[in-house]
Amino acid sequence: MWKLGIPPTLRQRLHAASTARPISDHPVEGTMSTVTSPPTQRPAKSWPAALVLSLVLGTFGADRFYLGHRWLGLAKLLTFGGLGIWWLADVVLIAFHQVHDSDGRPLC
């Protein structure tokens, strides 16, 4: 039976989620889930891969997409690498290790 436009299975899941209790009373250990996993960190981006992408597909923003800068990659794609100027600047910056990934880590 539908109630307020919410399917029964979704309503059951929402109710189960709202009545969840912490696993323990300890403030650090208590979570709303029975399964915990350690935080994962993405590996650093490769400098040679970024340089090759910048040289070959840099006018299309592939280097910026690879480094995690999606909006810069999109802008570079729409302007064809800033009519070549942005492309050349990025090649130089990546070649001299002056560009970081989206998490602020240097390229390795």
Foldseek 3Di string as FASTA:
>chain_A
DDDPNDDPVVVVVVVCQVPAWFPDPPPVRTDSDPDDDDDDDDDFAALVVLLVCLVPVVLQLPSLVSLVNVVVNNVSNVCSCVVCPNSVVSNVCSVVQNDGGPVRHTHD
